Amino acid sequence: MTQNEIDTINQAIELLSQLAADEDESKGDNAVPSRCPVKRFAQEYLRPQADSDMSCAELWKFYCEIAEVGELPAMRKAVFLRRLPSVMDTSYAVRKCHDIQRAGRRLRGFRGIGIKLDS
């Protein structure tokens, strides 16, 4: 098999996984597939921490760092941010709030969530 054929197959696989993700999204905002990378991210890399909070931007950046090293699949930011609230609610019973303070500005994020240091 040539490298060009391998690249074509990899592109097809990526397209199929994107289509599957889009299909999961069309089932409703609260649909979270059992093998959802966002759910895996929350369960493996985050933990409840009463005195901590994280903005959605910080969570997205952390997810991207993990995806860059190959631990989780890459995904579009819009998909990540759309799935994140329902995953955080089902995993940790926390809801998105709109008053996380960073540099004197209010941001969207989650209270009571921190990063697992042993992950």
PDB file of N, CA and C in Angstrom:
ATOM      1  N   MET A   1       0.847  -1.168   0.000  1.00  0.00           N
ATOM      2  CA  MET A   1       0.000   0.000   0.000  1.00  0.00           C
ATOM      3  C   MET A   1       0.903   1.245   0.000  1.00  0.00           C
ATOM      4  N   THR A   2       0.581   2.211  -0.822  1.00  0.00           N
ATOM      5  CA  THR A   2       1.404   3.413  -0.898  1.00  0.00           C
ATOM      6  C   THR A   2       1.026   4.387   0.211  1.00  0.00           C
ATOM      7  N   GLN A   3       1.909   5.342   0.431  1.00  0.00           N
ATOM      8  CA  GLN A   3       1.648   6.358   1.464  1.00  0.00           C
ATOM      9  C   GLN A   3       0.423   7.186   1.110  1.00  0.00           C
ATOM     10  N   ASN A   4       0.216   7.440  -0.165  1.00  0.00           N
ATOM     11  CA  ASN A   4      -0.943   8.210  -0.621  1.00  0.00           C
ATOM     12  C   ASN A   4      -2.237   7.464  -0.285  1.00  0.00           C
ATOM     13  N   GLU A   5      -2.256   6.152  -0.469  1.00  0.00           N
ATOM     14  CA  GLU A   5      -3.436   5.356  -0.145  1.00  0.00           C
ATOM     15  C   GLU A   5      -3.681   5.343   1.364  1.00  0.00           C
ATOM     16  N   ILE A   6      -2.630   5.250   2.132  1.00  0.00           N
ATOM     17  CA  ILE A   6      -2.753   5.281   3.591  1.00  0.00           C
ATOM     18  C   ILE A   6      -3.304   6.629   4.045  1.00  0.00           C
ATOM     19  N   ASP A   7      -2.808   7.720   3.468  1.00  0.00           N
ATOM     20  CA  ASP A   7      -3.309   9.053   3.809  1.00  0.00           C
ATOM     21  C   ASP A   7      -4.788   9.193   3.470  1.00  0.00           C
ATOM     22  N   THR A   8      -5.185   8.651   2.323  1.00  0.00           N
ATOM     23  CA  THR A   8      -6.586   8.708   1.914  1.00  0.00           C
ATOM     24  C   THR A   8      -7.465   7.937   2.895  1.00  0.00           C
ATOM     25  N   ILE A   9      -7.016   6.772   3.318  1.00  0.00           N
ATOM     26  CA  ILE A   9      -7.771   5.969   4.290  1.00  0.00           C
ATOM     27  C   ILE A   9      -7.880   6.709   5.620  1.00  0.00           C
ATOM     28  N   ASN A  10      -6.789   7.321   6.073  1.00  0.00           N
ATOM     29  CA  ASN A  10      -6.821   8.082   7.330  1.00  0.00           C
ATOM     30  C   ASN A  10      -7.772   9.265   7.238  1.00  0.00           C
ATOM     31  N   GLN A  11      -7.802   9.939   6.093  1.00  0.00           N
ATOM     32  CA  GLN A  11      -8.736  11.056   5.905  1.00  0.00           C
ATOM     33  C   GLN A  11     -10.172  10.560   5.941  1.00  0.00           C
ATOM     34  N   ALA A  12     -10.430   9.393   5.325  1.00  0.00           N
ATOM     35  CA  ALA A  12     -11.779   8.828   5.332  1.00  0.00           C
ATOM     36  C   ALA A  12     -12.212   8.469   6.746  1.00  0.00           C
ATOM     37  N   ILE A  13     -11.307   7.909   7.525  1.00  0.00           N
ATOM     38  CA  ILE A  13     -11.619   7.555   8.917  1.00  0.00           C
ATOM     39  C   ILE A  13     -11.943   8.808   9.715  1.00  0.00           C
ATOM     40  N   GLU A  14     -11.156   9.865   9.535  1.00  0.00           N
ATOM     41  CA  GLU A  14     -11.407  11.122  10.237  1.00  0.00           C
ATOM     42  C   GLU A  14     -12.763  11.707   9.853  1.00  0.00           C
ATOM     43  N   LEU A  15     -13.089  11.658   8.563  1.00  0.00           N
ATOM     44  CA  LEU A  15     -14.378  12.168   8.094  1.00  0.00           C
ATOM     45  C   LEU A  15     -15.525  11.367   8.700  1.00  0.00           C
ATOM     46  N   LEU A  16     -15.397  10.051   8.732  1.00  0.00           N
ATOM     47  CA  LEU A  16     -16.446   9.212   9.320  1.00  0.00           C
ATOM     48  C   LEU A  16     -16.631   9.491  10.802  1.00  0.00           C
ATOM     49  N   SER A  17     -15.542   9.707  11.535  1.00  0.00           N
ATOM     50  CA  SER A  17     -15.690  10.002  12.959  1.00  0.00           C
ATOM     51  C   SER A  17     -16.304  11.379  13.173  1.00  0.00           C
ATOM     52  N   GLN A  18     -15.996  12.339  12.305  1.00  0.00           N
ATOM     53  CA  GLN A  18     -16.636  13.659  12.391  1.00  0.00           C
ATOM     54  C   GLN A  18     -18.135  13.544  12.114  1.00  0.00           C
ATOM     55  N   LEU A  19     -18.505  12.738  11.101  1.00  0.00           N
ATOM     56  CA  LEU A  19     -19.919  12.538  10.785  1.00  0.00           C
ATOM     57  C   LEU A  19     -20.644  11.860  11.935  1.00  0.00           C
ATOM     58  N   ALA A  20     -20.003  10.901  12.566  1.00  0.00           N
ATOM     59  CA  ALA A  20     -20.608  10.235  13.721  1.00  0.00           C
ATOM     60  C   ALA A  20     -20.800  11.219  14.870  1.00  0.00           C
ATOM     61  N   ALA A  21     -19.817  12.091  15.092  1.00  0.00           N
ATOM     62  CA  ALA A  21     -19.938  13.101  16.153  1.00  0.00           C
ATOM     63  C   ALA A  21     -21.076  14.064  15.839  1.00  0.00           C
ATOM     64  N   ASP A  22     -21.194  14.467  14.577  1.00  0.00           N
ATOM     65  CA  ASP A  22     -22.272  15.369  14.181  1.00  0.00           C
ATOM     66  C   ASP A  22     -23.631  14.700  14.351  1.00  0.00           C
ATOM     67  N   GLU A  23     -23.705  13.387  14.059  1.00  0.00           N
ATOM     68  CA  GLU A  23     -24.950  12.657  14.238  1.00  0.00           C
ATOM     69  C   GLU A  23     -25.324  12.596  15.706  1.00  0.00           C
ATOM     70  N   ASP A  24     -24.349  12.380  16.586  1.00  0.00           N
ATOM     71  CA  ASP A  24     -24.610  12.368  18.026  1.00  0.00           C
ATOM     72  C   ASP A  24     -25.134  13.716  18.480  1.00  0.00           C
ATOM     73  N   GLU A  25     -24.588  14.798  17.920  1.00  0.00           N
ATOM     74  CA  GLU A  25     -25.040  16.143  18.289  1.00  0.00           C
ATOM     75  C   GLU A  25     -26.474  16.371  17.867  1.00  0.00           C
ATOM     76  N   SER A  26     -26.870  15.820  16.713  1.00  0.00           N
ATOM     77  CA  SER A  26     -28.211  16.065  16.199  1.00  0.00           C
ATOM     78  C   SER A  26     -29.285  15.374  17.031  1.00  0.00           C
ATOM     79  N   LYS A  27     -28.897  14.450  17.900  1.00  0.00           N
ATOM     80  CA  LYS A  27     -29.859  13.757  18.750  1.00  0.00           C
ATOM     81  C   LYS A  27     -30.334  14.632  19.900  1.00  0.00           C
ATOM     82  N   GLY A  28     -29.712  15.775  20.084  1.00  0.00           N
ATOM     83  CA  GLY A  28     -30.106  16.677  21.156  1.00  0.00           C
ATOM     84  C   GLY A  28     -28.901  17.183  21.895  1.00  0.00           C
ATOM     85  N   ASP A  29     -29.050  18.314  22.552  1.00  0.00           N
ATOM     86  CA  ASP A  29     -27.934  18.935  23.255  1.00  0.00           C
ATOM     87  C   ASP A  29     -27.427  18.081  24.405  1.00  0.00           C
ATOM     88  N   ASN A  30     -28.300  17.257  24.986  1.00  0.00           N
ATOM     89  CA  ASN A  30     -27.875  16.470  26.136  1.00  0.00           C
ATOM     90  C   ASN A  30     -27.367  15.086  25.762  1.00  0.00           C
ATOM     91  N   ALA A  31     -27.353  14.777  24.464  1.00  0.00           N
ATOM     92  CA  ALA A  31     -26.861  13.463  24.047  1.00  0.00           C
ATOM     93  C   ALA A  31     -25.346  13.421  24.191  1.00  0.00           C
ATOM     94  N   VAL A  32     -24.871  12.500  25.018  1.00  0.00           N
ATOM     95  CA  VAL A  32     -23.431  12.319  25.208  1.00  0.00           C
ATOM     96  C   VAL A  32     -23.131  10.850  24.963  1.00  0.00           C
ATOM     97  N   PRO A  33     -22.471  10.539  23.853  1.00  0.00           N
ATOM     98  CA  PRO A  33     -22.169   9.145  23.577  1.00  0.00           C
ATOM     99  C   PRO A  33     -21.303   8.543  24.683  1.00  0.00           C
ATOM    100  N   SER A  34     -21.449   7.243  24.905  1.00  0.00           N
ATOM    101  CA  SER A  34     -20.727   6.606  25.998  1.00  0.00           C
ATOM    102  C   SER A  34     -19.214   6.662  25.787  1.00  0.00           C
ATOM    103  N   ARG A  35     -18.738   6.729  24.560  1.00  0.00           N
ATOM    104  CA  ARG A  35     -17.308   6.781  24.290  1.00  0.00           C
ATOM    105  C   ARG A  35     -16.869   8.202  23.931  1.00  0.00           C
ATOM    106  N   CYS A  36     -17.630   9.157  24.368  1.00  0.00           N
ATOM    107  CA  CYS A  36     -17.374  10.566  24.059  1.00  0.00           C
ATOM    108  C   CYS A  36     -16.029  10.999  24.640  1.00  0.00           C
ATOM    109  N   PRO A  37     -15.169  11.602  23.821  1.00  0.00           N
ATOM    110  CA  PRO A  37     -13.877  12.068  24.334  1.00  0.00           C
ATOM    111  C   PRO A  37     -14.013  13.119  25.434  1.00  0.00           C
ATOM    112  N   VAL A  38     -15.061  13.916  25.396  1.00  0.00           N
ATOM    113  CA  VAL A  38     -15.255  14.937  26.432  1.00  0.00           C
ATOM    114  C   VAL A  38     -15.555  14.260  27.766  1.00  0.00           C
ATOM    115  N   LYS A  39     -16.352  13.205  27.728  1.00  0.00           N
ATOM    116  CA  LYS A  39     -16.659  12.475  28.961  1.00  0.00           C
ATOM    117  C   LYS A  39     -15.396  11.805  29.500  1.00  0.00           C
ATOM    118  N   ARG A  40     -14.616  11.208  28.616  1.00  0.00           N
ATOM    119  CA  ARG A  40     -13.358  10.585  29.032  1.00  0.00           C
ATOM    120  C   ARG A  40     -12.414  11.619  29.631  1.00  0.00           C
ATOM    121  N   PHE A  41     -12.350  12.797  29.007  1.00  0.00           N
ATOM    122  CA  PHE A  41     -11.527  13.901  29.508  1.00  0.00           C
ATOM    123  C   PHE A  41     -11.945  14.266  30.925  1.00  0.00           C
ATOM    124  N   ALA A  42     -13.233  14.441  31.133  1.00  0.00           N
ATOM    125  CA  ALA A  42     -13.730  14.842  32.454  1.00  0.00           C
ATOM    126  C   ALA A  42     -13.435  13.781  33.501  1.00  0.00           C
ATOM    127  N   GLN A  43     -13.631  12.531  33.151  1.00  0.00           N
ATOM    128  CA  GLN A  43     -13.449  11.462  34.131  1.00  0.00           C
ATOM    129  C   GLN A  43     -11.979  11.177  34.427  1.00  0.00           C
ATOM    130  N   GLU A  44     -11.119  11.291  33.427  1.00  0.00           N
ATOM    131  CA  GLU A  44      -9.716  10.924  33.617  1.00  0.00           C
ATOM    132  C   GLU A  44      -8.819  12.081  34.055  1.00  0.00           C
ATOM    133  N   TYR A  45      -9.194  13.312  33.736  1.00  0.00           N
ATOM    134  CA  TYR A  45      -8.283  14.435  33.967  1.00  0.00           C
ATOM    135  C   TYR A  45      -8.819  15.508  34.923  1.00  0.00           C
ATOM    136  N   LEU A  46     -10.095  15.429  35.282  1.00  0.00           N
ATOM    137  CA  LEU A  46     -10.677  16.429  36.187  1.00  0.00           C
ATOM    138  C   LEU A  46     -11.147  15.744  37.458  1.00  0.00           C
ATOM    139  N   ARG A  47     -11.334  16.551  38.497  1.00  0.00           N
ATOM    140  CA  ARG A  47     -11.827  16.023  39.770  1.00  0.00           C
ATOM    141  C   ARG A  47     -12.590  17.115  40.495  1.00  0.00           C
ATOM    142  N   PRO A  48     -13.488  16.717  41.397  1.00  0.00           N
ATOM    143  CA  PRO A  48     -14.163  17.715  42.216  1.00  0.00           C
ATOM    144  C   PRO A  48     -13.157  18.370  43.155  1.00  0.00           C
ATOM    145  N   GLN A  49     -13.225  19.671  43.256  1.00  0.00           N
ATOM    146  CA  GLN A  49     -12.336  20.421  44.156  1.00  0.00           C
ATOM    147  C   GLN A  49     -13.100  21.674  44.586  1.00  0.00           C
ATOM    148  N   ALA A  50     -13.568  21.657  45.808  1.00  0.00           N
ATOM    149  CA  ALA A  50     -14.494  22.682  46.290  1.00  0.00           C
ATOM    150  C   ALA A  50     -13.968  24.104  46.150  1.00  0.00           C
ATOM    151  N   ASP A  51     -12.683  24.327  46.367  1.00  0.00           N
ATOM    152  CA  ASP A  51     -12.152  25.690  46.380  1.00  0.00           C
ATOM    153  C   ASP A  51     -11.559  26.115  45.031  1.00  0.00           C
ATOM    154  N   SER A  52     -11.927  25.426  43.967  1.00  0.00           N
ATOM    155  CA  SER A  52     -11.350  25.717  42.661  1.00  0.00           C
ATOM    156  C   SER A  52     -12.441  25.983  41.630  1.00  0.00           C
ATOM    157  N   ASP A  53     -12.076  26.644  40.569  1.00  0.00           N
ATOM    158  CA  ASP A  53     -12.968  26.810  39.433  1.00  0.00           C
ATOM    159  C   ASP A  53     -12.132  26.843  38.160  1.00  0.00           C
ATOM    160  N   MET A  54     -12.761  26.531  37.046  1.00  0.00           N
ATOM    161  CA  MET A  54     -12.076  26.539  35.759  1.00  0.00           C
ATOM    162  C   MET A  54     -12.996  27.148  34.719  1.00  0.00           C
ATOM    163  N   SER A  55     -12.430  28.009  33.895  1.00  0.00           N
ATOM    164  CA  SER A  55     -13.216  28.591  32.818  1.00  0.00           C
ATOM    165  C   SER A  55     -13.309  27.602  31.665  1.00  0.00           C
ATOM    166  N   CYS A  56     -14.275  27.803  30.803  1.00  0.00           N
ATOM    167  CA  CYS A  56     -14.415  26.944  29.623  1.00  0.00           C
ATOM    168  C   CYS A  56     -13.176  27.058  28.737  1.00  0.00           C
ATOM    169  N   ALA A  57     -12.615  28.255  28.637  1.00  0.00           N
ATOM    170  CA  ALA A  57     -11.405  28.452  27.828  1.00  0.00           C
ATOM    171  C   ALA A  57     -10.227  27.658  28.398  1.00  0.00           C
ATOM    172  N   GLU A  58     -10.097  27.626  29.716  1.00  0.00           N
ATOM    173  CA  GLU A  58      -9.022  26.856  30.346  1.00  0.00           C
ATOM    174  C   GLU A  58      -9.212  25.366  30.116  1.00  0.00           C
ATOM    175  N   LEU A  59     -10.457  24.907  30.207  1.00  0.00           N
ATOM    176  CA  LEU A  59     -10.737  23.494  29.960  1.00  0.00           C
ATOM    177  C   LEU A  59     -10.447  23.123  28.508  1.00  0.00           C
ATOM    178  N   TRP A  60     -10.818  24.001  27.572  1.00  0.00           N
ATOM    179  CA  TRP A  60     -10.545  23.756  26.161  1.00  0.00           C
ATOM    180  C   TRP A  60      -9.031  23.686  25.909  1.00  0.00           C
ATOM    181  N   LYS A  61      -8.290  24.612  26.489  1.00  0.00           N
ATOM    182  CA  LYS A  61      -6.840  24.616  26.308  1.00  0.00           C
ATOM    183  C   LYS A  61      -6.221  23.336  26.880  1.00  0.00           C
ATOM    184  N   PHE A  62      -6.674  22.913  28.041  1.00  0.00           N
ATOM    185  CA  PHE A  62      -6.187  21.688  28.671  1.00  0.00           C
ATOM    186  C   PHE A  62      -6.514  20.483  27.796  1.00  0.00           C
ATOM    187  N   TYR A  63      -7.741  20.436  27.246  1.00  0.00           N
ATOM    188  CA  TYR A  63      -8.118  19.342  26.351  1.00  0.00           C
ATOM    189  C   TYR A  63      -7.191  19.306  25.130  1.00  0.00           C
ATOM    190  N   CYS A  64      -6.919  20.457  24.546  1.00  0.00           N
ATOM    191  CA  CYS A  64      -6.050  20.525  23.366  1.00  0.00           C
ATOM    192  C   CYS A  64      -4.639  20.018  23.680  1.00  0.00           C
ATOM    193  N   GLU A  65      -4.138  20.364  24.846  1.00  0.00           N
ATOM    194  CA  GLU A  65      -2.806  19.886  25.245  1.00  0.00           C
ATOM    195  C   GLU A  65      -2.783  18.363  25.348  1.00  0.00           C
ATOM    196  N   ILE A  66      -3.839  17.788  25.891  1.00  0.00           N
ATOM    197  CA  ILE A  66      -3.916  16.338  26.016  1.00  0.00           C
ATOM    198  C   ILE A  66      -4.062  15.700  24.635  1.00  0.00           C
ATOM    199  N   ALA A  67      -4.857  16.311  23.769  1.00  0.00           N
ATOM    200  CA  ALA A  67      -5.040  15.781  22.417  1.00  0.00           C
ATOM    201  C   ALA A  67      -3.746  15.859  21.609  1.00  0.00           C
ATOM    202  N   GLU A  68      -2.952  16.899  21.824  1.00  0.00           N
ATOM    203  CA  GLU A  68      -1.690  17.049  21.107  1.00  0.00           C
ATOM    204  C   GLU A  68      -0.719  15.914  21.390  1.00  0.00           C
ATOM    205  N   VAL A  69      -0.727  15.396  22.601  1.00  0.00           N
ATOM    206  CA  VAL A  69       0.170  14.288  22.938  1.00  0.00           C
ATOM    207  C   VAL A  69      -0.449  12.931  22.601  1.00  0.00           C
ATOM    208  N   GLY A  70      -1.661  12.921  22.057  1.00  0.00           N
ATOM    209  CA  GLY A  70      -2.280  11.699  21.577  1.00  0.00           C
ATOM    210  C   GLY A  70      -3.099  10.919  22.586  1.00  0.00           C
ATOM    211  N   GLU A  71      -3.360  11.501  23.755  1.00  0.00           N
ATOM    212  CA  GLU A  71      -4.147  10.802  24.769  1.00  0.00           C
ATOM    213  C   GLU A  71      -5.639  10.799  24.458  1.00  0.00           C
ATOM    214  N   LEU A  72      -6.109  11.836  23.789  1.00  0.00           N
ATOM    215  CA  LEU A  72      -7.507  11.965  23.387  1.00  0.00           C
ATOM    216  C   LEU A  72      -7.551  12.409  21.933  1.00  0.00           C
ATOM    217  N   PRO A  73      -8.630  12.105  21.225  1.00  0.00           N
ATOM    218  CA  PRO A  73      -8.716  12.536  19.831  1.00  0.00           C
ATOM    219  C   PRO A  73      -8.969  14.043  19.728  1.00  0.00           C
ATOM    220  N   ALA A  74      -8.463  14.635  18.680  1.00  0.00           N
ATOM    221  CA  ALA A  74      -8.723  16.057  18.438  1.00  0.00           C
ATOM    222  C   ALA A  74     -10.194  16.227  18.068  1.00  0.00           C
ATOM    223  N   MET A  75     -10.746  17.364  18.415  1.00  0.00           N
ATOM    224  CA  MET A  75     -12.125  17.665  18.038  1.00  0.00           C
ATOM    225  C   MET A  75     -12.286  19.166  17.874  1.00  0.00           C
ATOM    226  N   ARG A  76     -13.367  19.545  17.249  1.00  0.00           N
ATOM    227  CA  ARG A  76     -13.636  20.969  17.048  1.00  0.00           C
ATOM    228  C   ARG A  76     -14.027  21.609  18.372  1.00  0.00           C
ATOM    229  N   LYS A  77     -13.632  22.860  18.529  1.00  0.00           N
ATOM    230  CA  LYS A  77     -13.922  23.590  19.762  1.00  0.00           C
ATOM    231  C   LYS A  77     -15.426  23.678  20.006  1.00  0.00           C
ATOM    232  N   ALA A  78     -16.198  23.931  18.957  1.00  0.00           N
ATOM    233  CA  ALA A  78     -17.645  24.066  19.114  1.00  0.00           C
ATOM    234  C   ALA A  78     -18.271  22.777  19.646  1.00  0.00           C
ATOM    235  N   VAL A  79     -17.800  21.629  19.174  1.00  0.00           N
ATOM    236  CA  VAL A  79     -18.318  20.338  19.642  1.00  0.00           C
ATOM    237  C   VAL A  79     -17.958  20.147  21.111  1.00  0.00           C
ATOM    238  N   PHE A  80     -16.708  20.436  21.457  1.00  0.00           N
ATOM    239  CA  PHE A  80     -16.258  20.309  22.847  1.00  0.00           C
ATOM    240  C   PHE A  80     -17.115  21.179  23.767  1.00  0.00           C
ATOM    241  N   LEU A  81     -17.274  22.436  23.426  1.00  0.00           N
ATOM    242  CA  LEU A  81     -18.011  23.362  24.288  1.00  0.00           C
ATOM    243  C   LEU A  81     -19.497  23.033  24.352  1.00  0.00           C
ATOM    244  N   ARG A  82     -20.050  22.434  23.311  1.00  0.00           N
ATOM    245  CA  ARG A  82     -21.457  22.053  23.310  1.00  0.00           C
ATOM    246  C   ARG A  82     -21.691  20.851  24.223  1.00  0.00           C
ATOM    247  N   ARG A  83     -20.757  19.912  24.243  1.00  0.00           N
ATOM    248  CA  ARG A  83     -20.918  18.699  25.058  1.00  0.00           C
ATOM    249  C   ARG A  83     -20.499  18.897  26.511  1.00  0.00           C
ATOM    250  N   LEU A  84     -19.616  19.833  26.764  1.00  0.00           N
ATOM    251  CA  LEU A  84     -19.038  20.006  28.095  1.00  0.00           C
ATOM    252  C   LEU A  84     -20.076  20.202  29.213  1.00  0.00           C
ATOM    253  N   PRO A  85     -21.075  21.071  29.060  1.00  0.00           N
ATOM    254  CA  PRO A  85     -22.015  21.267  30.184  1.00  0.00           C
ATOM    255  C   PRO A  85     -22.740  19.994  30.611  1.00  0.00           C
ATOM    256  N   SER A  86     -23.220  19.197  29.670  1.00  0.00           N
ATOM    257  CA  SER A  86     -23.945  17.981  30.061  1.00  0.00           C
ATOM    258  C   SER A  86     -23.000  16.951  30.670  1.00  0.00           C
ATOM    259  N   VAL A  87     -21.763  16.871  30.177  1.00  0.00           N
ATOM    260  CA  VAL A  87     -20.784  15.946  30.748  1.00  0.00           C
ATOM    261  C   VAL A  87     -20.447  16.354  32.179  1.00  0.00           C
ATOM    262  N   MET A  88     -20.228  17.637  32.413  1.00  0.00           N
ATOM    263  CA  MET A  88     -19.889  18.101  33.760  1.00  0.00           C
ATOM    264  C   MET A  88     -21.056  17.905  34.719  1.00  0.00           C
ATOM    265  N   ASP A  89     -22.267  18.081  34.220  1.00  0.00           N
ATOM    266  CA  ASP A  89     -23.447  17.891  35.058  1.00  0.00           C
ATOM    267  C   ASP A  89     -23.606  16.421  35.436  1.00  0.00           C
ATOM    268  N   THR A  90     -23.475  15.518  34.470  1.00  0.00           N
ATOM    269  CA  THR A  90     -23.643  14.098  34.778  1.00  0.00           C
ATOM    270  C   THR A  90     -22.457  13.525  35.557  1.00  0.00           C
ATOM    271  N   SER A  91     -21.260  14.014  35.301  1.00  0.00           N
ATOM    272  CA  SER A  91     -20.075  13.462  35.968  1.00  0.00           C
ATOM    273  C   SER A  91     -19.868  14.020  37.373  1.00  0.00           C
ATOM    274  N   TYR A  92     -20.088  15.323  37.550  1.00  0.00           N
ATOM    275  CA  TYR A  92     -19.755  15.971  38.826  1.00  0.00           C
ATOM    276  C   TYR A  92     -20.887  16.784  39.436  1.00  0.00           C
ATOM    277  N   ALA A  93     -22.048  16.770  38.805  1.00  0.00           N
ATOM    278  CA  ALA A  93     -23.207  17.533  39.286  1.00  0.00           C
ATOM    279  C   ALA A  93     -22.886  19.014  39.435  1.00  0.00           C
ATOM    280  N   VAL A  94     -22.107  19.546  38.507  1.00  0.00           N
ATOM    281  CA  VAL A  94     -21.846  20.989  38.486  1.00  0.00           C
ATOM    282  C   VAL A  94     -22.401  21.564  37.188  1.00  0.00           C
ATOM    283  N   ARG A  95     -22.906  22.758  37.298  1.00  0.00           N
ATOM    284  CA  ARG A  95     -23.482  23.429  36.129  1.00  0.00           C
ATOM    285  C   ARG A  95     -22.609  24.609  35.724  1.00  0.00           C
ATOM    286  N   LYS A  96     -22.694  24.925  34.458  1.00  0.00           N
ATOM    287  CA  LYS A  96     -21.921  26.049  33.937  1.00  0.00           C
ATOM    288  C   LYS A  96     -22.449  27.345  34.544  1.00  0.00           C
ATOM    289  N   CYS A  97     -21.520  28.183  34.968  1.00  0.00           N
ATOM    290  CA  CYS A  97     -21.901  29.493  35.483  1.00  0.00           C
ATOM    291  C   CYS A  97     -21.222  30.565  34.629  1.00  0.00           C
ATOM    292  N   HIS A  98     -21.664  31.783  34.786  1.00  0.00           N
ATOM    293  CA  HIS A  98     -21.170  32.867  33.941  1.00  0.00           C
ATOM    294  C   HIS A  98     -20.415  33.925  34.734  1.00  0.00           C
ATOM    295  N   ASP A  99     -19.865  33.533  35.876  1.00  0.00           N
ATOM    296  CA  ASP A  99     -19.162  34.535  36.677  1.00  0.00           C
ATOM    297  C   ASP A  99     -17.841  34.024  37.263  1.00  0.00           C
ATOM    298  N   ILE A 100     -17.105  33.256  36.486  1.00  0.00           N
ATOM    299  CA  ILE A 100     -15.756  32.867  36.879  1.00  0.00           C
ATOM    300  C   ILE A 100     -14.869  34.096  36.654  1.00  0.00           C
ATOM    301  N   GLN A 101     -14.153  34.512  37.663  1.00  0.00           N
ATOM    302  CA  GLN A 101     -13.343  35.726  37.573  1.00  0.00           C
ATOM    303  C   GLN A 101     -11.917  35.419  37.131  1.00  0.00           C
ATOM    304  N   ARG A 102     -11.467  36.075  36.073  1.00  0.00           N
ATOM    305  CA  ARG A 102     -10.087  35.990  35.598  1.00  0.00           C
ATOM    306  C   ARG A 102      -9.677  37.387  35.132  1.00  0.00           C
ATOM    307  N   ALA A 103      -8.634  37.916  35.727  1.00  0.00           N
ATOM    308  CA  ALA A 103      -8.091  39.233  35.363  1.00  0.00           C
ATOM    309  C   ALA A 103      -9.181  40.312  35.371  1.00  0.00           C
ATOM    310  N   GLY A 104     -10.043  40.249  36.366  1.00  0.00           N
ATOM    311  CA  GLY A 104     -11.081  41.262  36.508  1.00  0.00           C
ATOM    312  C   GLY A 104     -12.239  41.117  35.537  1.00  0.00           C
ATOM    313  N   ARG A 105     -12.298  40.026  34.804  1.00  0.00           N
ATOM    314  CA  ARG A 105     -13.375  39.804  33.844  1.00  0.00           C
ATOM    315  C   ARG A 105     -14.184  38.581  34.256  1.00  0.00           C
ATOM    316  N   ARG A 106     -15.455  38.607  33.901  1.00  0.00           N
ATOM    317  CA  ARG A 106     -16.324  37.463  34.150  1.00  0.00           C
ATOM    318  C   ARG A 106     -16.303  36.549  32.931  1.00  0.00           C
ATOM    319  N   LEU A 107     -16.096  35.260  33.184  1.00  0.00           N
ATOM    320  CA  LEU A 107     -16.054  34.270  32.114  1.00  0.00           C
ATOM    321  C   LEU A 107     -17.000  33.126  32.427  1.00  0.00           C
ATOM    322  N   ARG A 108     -17.322  32.344  31.412  1.00  0.00           N
ATOM    323  CA  ARG A 108     -18.110  31.125  31.614  1.00  0.00           C
ATOM    324  C   ARG A 108     -17.187  30.016  32.094  1.00  0.00           C
ATOM    325  N   GLY A 109     -17.729  29.168  32.958  1.00  0.00           N
ATOM    326  CA  GLY A 109     -16.919  28.069  33.460  1.00  0.00           C
ATOM    327  C   GLY A 109     -17.669  27.254  34.493  1.00  0.00           C
ATOM    328  N   PHE A 110     -16.911  26.536  35.312  1.00  0.00           N
ATOM    329  CA  PHE A 110     -17.478  25.619  36.291  1.00  0.00           C
ATOM    330  C   PHE A 110     -16.795  25.800  37.634  1.00  0.00           C
ATOM    331  N   ARG A 111     -17.603  25.924  38.684  1.00  0.00           N
ATOM    332  CA  ARG A 111     -17.079  26.019  40.044  1.00  0.00           C
ATOM    333  C   ARG A 111     -16.977  24.617  40.637  1.00  0.00           C
ATOM    334  N   GLY A 112     -15.979  24.426  41.500  1.00  0.00           N
ATOM    335  CA  GLY A 112     -15.831  23.155  42.197  1.00  0.00           C
ATOM    336  C   GLY A 112     -15.146  22.078  41.381  1.00  0.00           C
ATOM    337  N   ILE A 113     -14.378  22.460  40.373  1.00  0.00           N
ATOM    338  CA  ILE A 113     -13.682  21.505  39.507  1.00  0.00           C
ATOM    339  C   ILE A 113     -12.208  21.865  39.467  1.00  0.00           C
ATOM    340  N   GLY A 114     -11.350  20.851  39.543  1.00  0.00           N
ATOM    341  CA  GLY A 114      -9.916  21.041  39.435  1.00  0.00           C
ATOM    342  C   GLY A 114      -9.305  19.960  38.568  1.00  0.00           C
ATOM    343  N   ILE A 115      -8.026  20.054  38.345  1.00  0.00           N
ATOM    344  CA  ILE A 115      -7.289  19.097  37.522  1.00  0.00           C
ATOM    345  C   ILE A 115      -6.719  18.008  38.429  1.00  0.00           C
ATOM    346  N   LYS A 116      -6.845  16.770  37.989  1.00  0.00           N
ATOM    347  CA  LYS A 116      -6.218  15.661  38.717  1.00  0.00           C
ATOM    348  C   LYS A 116      -4.716  15.768  38.543  1.00  0.00           C
ATOM    349  N   LEU A 117      -3.999  15.795  39.628  1.00  0.00           N
ATOM    350  CA  LEU A 117      -2.553  15.927  39.541  1.00  0.00           C
ATOM    351  C   LEU A 117      -1.882  14.609  39.199  1.00  0.00           C
ATOM    352  N   ASP A 118      -2.544  13.498  39.420  1.00  0.00           N
ATOM    353  CA  ASP A 118      -1.948  12.198  39.144  1.00  0.00           C
ATOM    354  C   ASP A 118      -2.282  11.649  37.773  1.00  0.00           C
ATOM    355  N   SER A 119      -2.926  12.436  36.912  1.00  0.00           N
ATOM    356  CA  SER A 119      -3.312  11.938  35.588  1.00  0.00           C
ATOM    357  C   SER A 119      -2.211  12.087  34.574  1.00  0.00           C
TER     358      SER A 119
END
